[in-house]
């Protein structure tokens, strides 16, 4: 998912370079949403992993 966020970020940079404001802002918004989803999933799996380690001990 972080890979897709980076792809949309690059698309937004290229679109902004060529002056396509609507496309650039849309791609940047998608990249931002995907980045926050990836961070949230990371936090959830980190907590689950730490709880699993405590349960094993």
N, C-alpha and C. Protein backbone atom coordinates (compact mmCIF):
# COMPACT_ATOMS: atom_id res chain seq x y z
N UNK A 1 0.83 -1.19 0.00
CA UNK A 1 0.00 0.00 0.00
C UNK A 1 0.88 1.25 0.00
N UNK A 2 1.99 1.19 0.70
CA UNK A 2 2.89 2.33 0.70
C UNK A 2 3.47 2.55 -0.69
N UNK A 3 3.63 1.46 -1.42
CA UNK A 3 4.11 1.55 -2.80
C UNK A 3 3.13 2.35 -3.65
N UNK A 4 1.83 2.10 -3.47
CA UNK A 4 0.82 2.83 -4.24
C UNK A 4 0.80 4.30 -3.84
N UNK A 5 1.01 4.59 -2.57
CA UNK A 5 1.07 5.99 -2.12
C UNK A 5 2.23 6.71 -2.80
N UNK A 6 3.37 6.05 -2.90
CA UNK A 6 4.51 6.66 -3.57
C UNK A 6 4.26 6.85 -5.07
N UNK A 7 3.58 5.90 -5.68
CA UNK A 7 3.25 6.02 -7.11
C UNK A 7 2.34 7.22 -7.34
N UNK A 8 1.29 7.37 -6.53
CA UNK A 8 0.40 8.50 -6.70
C UNK A 8 1.11 9.82 -6.37
N UNK A 9 2.05 9.79 -5.44
CA UNK A 9 2.84 10.99 -5.13
C UNK A 9 3.66 11.42 -6.35
N UNK A 10 4.29 10.46 -7.01
CA UNK A 10 5.09 10.76 -8.19
C UNK A 10 4.18 11.27 -9.31
N UNK A 11 3.00 10.67 -9.47
CA UNK A 11 2.05 11.13 -10.47
C UNK A 11 1.65 12.58 -10.19
N UNK A 12 1.42 12.90 -8.92
CA UNK A 12 1.04 14.27 -8.59
C UNK A 12 2.17 15.25 -8.86
N UNK A 13 3.42 14.83 -8.61
CA UNK A 13 4.55 15.71 -8.90
C UNK A 13 4.70 15.95 -10.39
N UNK A 14 4.56 14.91 -11.18
CA UNK A 14 4.68 15.05 -12.64
C UNK A 14 3.54 15.90 -13.18
N UNK A 15 2.33 15.68 -12.69
CA UNK A 15 1.19 16.46 -13.16
C UNK A 15 1.34 17.93 -12.76
N UNK A 16 1.86 18.18 -11.57
CA UNK A 16 2.08 19.56 -11.15
C UNK A 16 3.16 20.23 -11.99
N UNK A 17 4.16 19.46 -12.38
CA UNK A 17 5.23 19.99 -13.21
C UNK A 17 4.70 20.46 -14.55
N UNK A 18 3.75 19.71 -15.10
CA UNK A 18 3.18 20.07 -16.40
C UNK A 18 1.99 21.02 -16.29
N UNK A 19 1.59 21.38 -15.06
CA UNK A 19 0.56 22.37 -14.88
C UNK A 19 -0.86 21.84 -14.83
N UNK A 20 -1.04 20.57 -14.61
CA UNK A 20 -2.38 19.99 -14.48
C UNK A 20 -2.77 20.03 -13.01
N UNK A 21 -3.35 21.12 -12.56
CA UNK A 21 -3.65 21.31 -11.14
C UNK A 21 -4.65 20.33 -10.59
N UNK A 22 -5.72 20.06 -11.34
CA UNK A 22 -6.76 19.16 -10.85
C UNK A 22 -6.26 17.74 -10.69
N UNK A 23 -5.52 17.27 -11.66
CA UNK A 23 -4.99 15.91 -11.61
C UNK A 23 -3.95 15.80 -10.50
N UNK A 24 -3.12 16.83 -10.36
CA UNK A 24 -2.08 16.81 -9.33
C UNK A 24 -2.69 16.79 -7.94
N UNK A 25 -3.70 17.59 -7.71
CA UNK A 25 -4.30 17.61 -6.37
C UNK A 25 -5.06 16.32 -6.09
N UNK A 26 -5.68 15.75 -7.11
CA UNK A 26 -6.37 14.47 -6.93
C UNK A 26 -5.42 13.34 -6.60
N UNK A 27 -4.32 13.27 -7.32
CA UNK A 27 -3.33 12.22 -7.07
C UNK A 27 -2.66 12.42 -5.72
N UNK A 28 -2.43 13.67 -5.34
CA UNK A 28 -1.83 13.94 -4.03
C UNK A 28 -2.79 13.55 -2.90
N UNK A 29 -4.06 13.78 -3.10
CA UNK A 29 -5.05 13.40 -2.08
C UNK A 29 -5.11 11.88 -1.92
N UNK A 30 -5.07 11.17 -3.04
CA UNK A 30 -5.08 9.70 -2.99
C UNK A 30 -3.82 9.19 -2.29
N UNK A 31 -2.67 9.78 -2.63
CA UNK A 31 -1.41 9.37 -1.99
C UNK A 31 -1.45 9.61 -0.49
N UNK A 32 -2.03 10.74 -0.08
CA UNK A 32 -2.11 11.06 1.34
C UNK A 32 -2.99 10.06 2.08
N UNK A 33 -4.13 9.71 1.49
CA UNK A 33 -5.05 8.75 2.12
C UNK A 33 -4.38 7.38 2.23
N UNK A 34 -3.75 6.93 1.16
CA UNK A 34 -3.08 5.62 1.19
C UNK A 34 -1.93 5.60 2.20
N UNK A 35 -1.22 6.72 2.33
CA UNK A 35 -0.14 6.79 3.30
C UNK A 35 -0.67 6.66 4.72
N UNK A 36 -1.75 7.36 5.03
CA UNK A 36 -2.32 7.28 6.38
C UNK A 36 -2.90 5.89 6.66
N UNK A 37 -3.47 5.24 5.67
CA UNK A 37 -3.97 3.88 5.85
C UNK A 37 -2.79 2.94 6.14
N UNK A 38 -1.69 3.11 5.40
CA UNK A 38 -0.51 2.26 5.62
C UNK A 38 0.06 2.47 7.02
N UNK A 39 0.10 3.70 7.50
CA UNK A 39 0.60 3.98 8.84
C UNK A 39 -0.31 3.35 9.89
N UNK A 40 -1.62 3.46 9.69
CA UNK A 40 -2.57 2.88 10.64
C UNK A 40 -2.43 1.36 10.68
N UNK A 41 -2.30 0.72 9.52
CA UNK A 41 -2.12 -0.73 9.48
C UNK A 41 -0.81 -1.14 10.16
N UNK A 42 0.24 -0.35 9.96
CA UNK A 42 1.51 -0.63 10.62
C UNK A 42 1.34 -0.60 12.13
N UNK A 43 0.66 0.41 12.62
CA UNK A 43 0.47 0.54 14.08
C UNK A 43 -0.35 -0.63 14.63
N UNK A 44 -1.40 -1.03 13.91
CA UNK A 44 -2.25 -2.14 14.36
C UNK A 44 -1.44 -3.43 14.41
N UNK A 45 -0.69 -3.72 13.35
CA UNK A 45 0.08 -4.96 13.32
C UNK A 45 1.24 -4.93 14.32
N UNK A 46 1.78 -3.75 14.59
CA UNK A 46 2.82 -3.64 15.60
C UNK A 46 2.28 -4.00 16.97
N UNK A 47 1.12 -3.47 17.32
CA UNK A 47 0.49 -3.77 18.61
C UNK A 47 0.13 -5.25 18.68
N UNK A 48 -0.43 -5.79 17.60
CA UNK A 48 -0.78 -7.22 17.60
C UNK A 48 0.45 -8.09 17.77
N UNK A 49 1.55 -7.72 17.14
CA UNK A 49 2.78 -8.47 17.28
C UNK A 49 3.33 -8.42 18.70
N UNK A 50 3.26 -7.25 19.31
CA UNK A 50 3.76 -7.12 20.68
C UNK A 50 2.88 -7.91 21.66
N UNK A 51 1.58 -7.92 21.42
CA UNK A 51 0.68 -8.70 22.28
C UNK A 51 0.90 -10.20 22.10
N UNK A 52 1.19 -10.61 20.88
CA UNK A 52 1.44 -12.03 20.61
C UNK A 52 2.71 -12.50 21.30
N UNK A 53 3.73 -11.67 21.31
CA UNK A 53 4.98 -12.02 21.97
C UNK A 53 4.77 -12.17 23.48
N UNK A 54 3.98 -11.26 24.06
CA UNK A 54 3.70 -11.36 25.50
C UNK A 54 2.88 -12.61 25.80
N UNK A 55 1.98 -12.99 24.90
CA UNK A 55 1.13 -14.17 25.12
C UNK A 55 1.95 -15.45 25.05
N UNK A 56 2.99 -15.47 24.26
CA UNK A 56 3.83 -16.67 24.10
C UNK A 56 4.67 -16.88 25.37
N UNK A 57 5.13 -15.81 25.97
CA UNK A 57 6.01 -15.92 27.15
C UNK A 57 5.28 -16.37 28.34
